[in-house]
Amino acid sequence: MRIYEVLFIIAPNTEEGDINALISQISDVAVNQGATVAKVDRMGRRKLAYPIKKFYEGHYVVLTLEGTGAEIAEIERRMRVIDAIIRYLTVRIDEDLKRADKFRARRSERAAARAPRSSRRPGAAAAIEVEEMIEEEEEE
């Protein structure tokens, strides 16, 4: 299964109830096509980088989907015909997540390898040997 992020911007003059209906409609389309909706992130009303259809603001919504990829075509087709959605963007993020996990694991390995060295100080090994010798003498 691949992981996708579908970002879409809803026109600012859309009512709150209609926004909820749109989000549930897009989620239902994804589920009916065989995808699973992992997360719905409503980012709220934000300023656009540039005017789109004479709007300067929009309601941003990000859906995180897990699916095969075939359902994305249907979701985008539906978003294209809905007038309230002024822009949308779909990005496949599973490879980026794998790459980030690999970097995170490598970083933690390096930190673990560095930690014992950073705790060492000159003469620490000799002090440990002396302590071990004292303990052995006390046991005898």
C-alpha atoms as a PDB file:
ATOM      1  CA  MET A   1       0.000   0.000   0.000  1.00  0.00           C
ATOM      2  CA  ARG A   2       1.191   3.471  -0.849  1.00  0.00           C
ATOM      3  CA  ILE A   3       0.654   6.556   1.254  1.00  0.00           C
ATOM      4  CA  TYR A   4      -0.640   9.777  -0.306  1.00  0.00           C
ATOM      5  CA  GLU A   5      -1.345  13.270   0.952  1.00  0.00           C
ATOM      6  CA  VAL A   6      -4.214  15.013  -0.809  1.00  0.00           C
ATOM      7  CA  LEU A   7      -4.289  18.753  -0.118  1.00  0.00           C
ATOM      8  CA  PHE A   8      -7.224  20.768  -1.343  1.00  0.00           C
ATOM      9  CA  ILE A   9      -8.301  24.367  -0.864  1.00  0.00           C
ATOM     10  CA  ILE A  10     -11.966  25.201  -0.438  1.00  0.00           C
ATOM     11  CA  ALA A  11     -13.310  28.643  -1.383  1.00  0.00           C
ATOM     12  CA  PRO A  12     -13.588  30.999   1.619  1.00  0.00           C
ATOM     13  CA  ASN A  13     -17.251  31.802   0.974  1.00  0.00           C
ATOM     14  CA  THR A  14     -18.261  28.180   1.611  1.00  0.00           C
ATOM     15  CA  GLU A  15     -20.346  27.564   4.738  1.00  0.00           C
ATOM     16  CA  GLU A  16     -18.940  25.439   7.582  1.00  0.00           C
ATOM     17  CA  GLY A  17     -21.560  22.746   7.082  1.00  0.00           C
ATOM     18  CA  ASP A  18     -20.732  22.545   3.379  1.00  0.00           C
ATOM     19  CA  ILE A  19     -17.020  22.253   4.190  1.00  0.00           C
ATOM     20  CA  ASN A  20     -17.726  19.284   6.475  1.00  0.00           C
ATOM     21  CA  ALA A  21     -19.905  17.731   3.770  1.00  0.00           C
ATOM     22  CA  LEU A  22     -17.145  18.188   1.159  1.00  0.00           C
ATOM     23  CA  ILE A  23     -14.535  16.590   3.405  1.00  0.00           C
ATOM     24  CA  SER A  24     -16.775  13.629   4.147  1.00  0.00           C
ATOM     25  CA  GLN A  25     -17.682  13.327   0.443  1.00  0.00           C
ATOM     26  CA  ILE A  26     -14.020  13.161  -0.623  1.00  0.00           C
ATOM     27  CA  SER A  27     -13.270  10.716   2.214  1.00  0.00           C
ATOM     28  CA  ASP A  28     -16.202   8.525   1.166  1.00  0.00           C
ATOM     29  CA  VAL A  29     -14.994   8.491  -2.445  1.00  0.00           C
ATOM     30  CA  ALA A  30     -11.572   7.327  -1.246  1.00  0.00           C
ATOM     31  CA  VAL A  31     -13.045   4.607   0.949  1.00  0.00           C
ATOM     32  CA  ASN A  32     -15.427   3.412  -1.789  1.00  0.00           C
ATOM     33  CA  GLN A  33     -12.494   3.124  -4.196  1.00  0.00           C
ATOM     34  CA  GLY A  34     -10.578   0.934  -1.732  1.00  0.00           C
ATOM     35  CA  ALA A  35      -8.325   3.397   0.092  1.00  0.00           C
ATOM     36  CA  THR A  36      -8.222   3.973   3.817  1.00  0.00           C
ATOM     37  CA  VAL A  37      -8.235   7.475   5.271  1.00  0.00           C
ATOM     38  CA  ALA A  38      -5.425   7.573   7.822  1.00  0.00           C
ATOM     39  CA  LYS A  39      -5.817  11.198   8.870  1.00  0.00           C
ATOM     40  CA  VAL A  40      -7.893  14.292   8.107  1.00  0.00           C
ATOM     41  CA  ASP A  41      -6.115  17.529   8.959  1.00  0.00           C
ATOM     42  CA  ARG A  42      -8.190  20.702   8.734  1.00  0.00           C
ATOM     43  CA  MET A  43      -5.668  23.512   8.633  1.00  0.00           C
ATOM     44  CA  GLY A  44      -8.344  26.194   8.657  1.00  0.00           C
ATOM     45  CA  ARG A  45      -8.679  29.435   6.756  1.00  0.00           C
ATOM     46  CA  ARG A  46      -5.370  30.751   5.461  1.00  0.00           C
ATOM     47  CA  LYS A  47      -4.110  33.376   3.087  1.00  0.00           C
ATOM     48  CA  LEU A  48      -3.270  32.168  -0.420  1.00  0.00           C
ATOM     49  CA  ALA A  49       0.139  32.844  -1.942  1.00  0.00           C
ATOM     50  CA  TYR A  50      -1.545  34.434  -4.952  1.00  0.00           C
ATOM     51  CA  PRO A  51      -5.160  35.141  -5.916  1.00  0.00           C
ATOM     52  CA  ILE A  52      -7.068  32.157  -7.280  1.00  0.00           C
ATOM     53  CA  LYS A  53     -10.441  32.864  -8.938  1.00  0.00           C
ATOM     54  CA  LYS A  54     -10.442  36.291  -7.223  1.00  0.00           C
ATOM     55  CA  PHE A  55     -10.070  34.686  -3.775  1.00  0.00           C
ATOM     56  CA  TYR A  56      -7.270  35.724  -1.444  1.00  0.00           C
ATOM     57  CA  GLU A  57      -7.995  33.150   1.277  1.00  0.00           C
ATOM     58  CA  GLY A  58      -9.139  29.553   1.427  1.00  0.00           C
ATOM     59  CA  HIS A  59      -9.881  26.672   3.773  1.00  0.00           C
ATOM     60  CA  TYR A  60      -6.992  24.180   3.630  1.00  0.00           C
ATOM     61  CA  VAL A  61      -7.629  20.462   4.183  1.00  0.00           C
ATOM     62  CA  VAL A  62      -5.075  17.625   4.051  1.00  0.00           C
ATOM     63  CA  LEU A  63      -6.171  13.994   3.743  1.00  0.00           C
ATOM     64  CA  THR A  64      -3.634  11.237   4.345  1.00  0.00           C
ATOM     65  CA  LEU A  65      -4.671   8.147   2.381  1.00  0.00           C
ATOM     66  CA  GLU A  66      -3.328   4.613   2.133  1.00  0.00           C
ATOM     67  CA  GLY A  67      -4.130   2.868  -1.104  1.00  0.00           C
ATOM     68  CA  THR A  68      -2.920   1.390  -4.350  1.00  0.00           C
ATOM     69  CA  GLY A  69      -2.970   4.615  -6.360  1.00  0.00           C
ATOM     70  CA  ALA A  70      -5.902   3.797  -8.628  1.00  0.00           C
ATOM     71  CA  GLU A  71      -8.317   5.637  -6.337  1.00  0.00           C
ATOM     72  CA  ILE A  72      -6.381   8.902  -6.664  1.00  0.00           C
ATOM     73  CA  ALA A  73      -7.580   9.356 -10.253  1.00  0.00           C
ATOM     74  CA  GLU A  74     -11.219   9.167  -9.141  1.00  0.00           C
ATOM     75  CA  ILE A  75     -10.648  11.512  -6.204  1.00  0.00           C
ATOM     76  CA  GLU A  76      -8.970  14.089  -8.458  1.00  0.00           C
ATOM     77  CA  ARG A  77     -11.731  13.737 -11.047  1.00  0.00           C
ATOM     78  CA  ARG A  78     -14.348  14.471  -8.394  1.00  0.00           C
ATOM     79  CA  MET A  79     -12.382  17.448  -7.043  1.00  0.00           C
ATOM     80  CA  ARG A  80     -12.075  18.864 -10.552  1.00  0.00           C
ATOM     81  CA  VAL A  81     -15.861  19.101 -10.939  1.00  0.00           C
ATOM     82  CA  ILE A  82     -16.655  20.480  -7.468  1.00  0.00           C
ATOM     83  CA  ASP A  83     -16.854  24.268  -7.758  1.00  0.00           C
ATOM     84  CA  ALA A  84     -16.062  24.927  -4.091  1.00  0.00           C
ATOM     85  CA  ILE A  85     -12.601  23.322  -4.424  1.00  0.00           C
ATOM     86  CA  ILE A  86     -10.358  25.931  -6.016  1.00  0.00           C
ATOM     87  CA  ARG A  87      -7.051  23.965  -5.962  1.00  0.00           C
ATOM     88  CA  TYR A  88      -5.856  20.460  -5.114  1.00  0.00           C
ATOM     89  CA  LEU A  89      -2.538  18.653  -4.990  1.00  0.00           C
ATOM     90  CA  THR A  90      -1.783  14.970  -4.465  1.00  0.00           C
ATOM     91  CA  VAL A  91       1.661  13.833  -3.322  1.00  0.00           C
ATOM     92  CA  ARG A  92       2.948  10.307  -2.745  1.00  0.00           C
ATOM     93  CA  ILE A  93       4.829  10.353   0.556  1.00  0.00           C
ATOM     94  CA  ASP A  94       5.599   6.701   1.387  1.00  0.00           C
ATOM     95  CA  GLU A  95       9.072   6.827  -0.154  1.00  0.00           C
ATOM     96  CA  ASP A  96       9.824  10.061   1.703  1.00  0.00           C
ATOM     97  CA  LEU A  97       8.721   8.465   4.977  1.00  0.00           C
ATOM     98  CA  LYS A  98      10.978   5.455   4.339  1.00  0.00           C
ATOM     99  CA  ARG A  99      13.900   7.758   3.565  1.00  0.00           C
ATOM    100  CA  ALA A 100      13.234   9.800   6.715  1.00  0.00           C
ATOM    101  CA  ASP A 101      13.093   6.614   8.819  1.00  0.00           C
ATOM    102  CA  LYS A 102      16.403   5.487   7.336  1.00  0.00           C
ATOM    103  CA  PHE A 103      18.047   8.832   8.174  1.00  0.00           C
ATOM    104  CA  ARG A 104      16.536   8.753  11.674  1.00  0.00           C
ATOM    105  CA  ALA A 105      17.891   5.226  12.278  1.00  0.00           C
ATOM    106  CA  ARG A 106      21.325   6.170  10.974  1.00  0.00           C
ATOM    107  CA  ARG A 107      21.362   9.283  13.173  1.00  0.00           C
ATOM    108  CA  SER A 108      20.431   7.264  16.280  1.00  0.00           C
ATOM    109  CA  GLU A 109      23.152   4.680  15.474  1.00  0.00           C
ATOM    110  CA  ARG A 110      25.723   7.439  15.230  1.00  0.00           C
ATOM    111  CA  ALA A 111      24.536   8.962  18.497  1.00  0.00           C
ATOM    112  CA  ALA A 112      24.726   5.577  20.214  1.00  0.00           C
ATOM    113  CA  ALA A 113      28.241   5.006  18.878  1.00  0.00           C
ATOM    114  CA  ARG A 114      29.331   8.465  20.007  1.00  0.00           C
ATOM    115  CA  ALA A 115      27.873   8.274  23.517  1.00  0.00           C
ATOM    116  CA  PRO A 116      30.411   5.836  25.048  1.00  0.00           C
ATOM    117  CA  ARG A 117      33.316   7.740  23.532  1.00  0.00           C
ATOM    118  CA  SER A 118      32.108  11.078  24.847  1.00  0.00           C
ATOM    119  CA  SER A 119      31.818   9.699  28.399  1.00  0.00           C
ATOM    120  CA  ARG A 120      35.440   8.534  28.341  1.00  0.00           C
ATOM    121  CA  ARG A 121      38.115  10.747  29.734  1.00  0.00           C
ATOM    122  CA  PRO A 122      41.883  10.305  29.743  1.00  0.00           C
ATOM    123  CA  GLY A 123      42.880   7.803  32.378  1.00  0.00           C
ATOM    124  CA  ALA A 124      39.352   6.471  32.845  1.00  0.00           C
ATOM    125  CA  ALA A 125      40.358   2.995  31.691  1.00  0.00           C
ATOM    126  CA  ALA A 126      43.241   2.924  34.167  1.00  0.00           C
ATOM    127  CA  ALA A 127      40.942   4.005  36.996  1.00  0.00           C
ATOM    128  CA  ILE A 128      38.500   1.215  36.142  1.00  0.00           C
ATOM    129  CA  GLU A 129      41.326  -1.341  36.168  1.00  0.00           C
ATOM    130  CA  VAL A 130      42.480  -0.111  39.575  1.00  0.00           C
ATOM    131  CA  GLU A 131      38.934  -0.372  40.970  1.00  0.00           C
ATOM    132  CA  GLU A 132      38.626  -3.921  39.631  1.00  0.00           C
ATOM    133  CA  MET A 133      41.939  -4.882  41.238  1.00  0.00           C
ATOM    134  CA  ILE A 134      40.793  -3.458  44.592  1.00  0.00           C
ATOM    135  CA  GLU A 135      37.528  -5.402  44.383  1.00  0.00           C
ATOM    136  CA  GLU A 136      39.431  -8.620  43.621  1.00  0.00           C
ATOM    137  CA  GLU A 137      41.728  -8.102  46.622  1.00  0.00           C
ATOM    138  CA  GLU A 138      38.744  -7.469  48.884  1.00  0.00           C
ATOM    139  CA  GLU A 139      37.099 -10.708  47.734  1.00  0.00           C
ATOM    140  CA  GLU A 140      40.221 -12.744  48.631  1.00  0.00           C
END
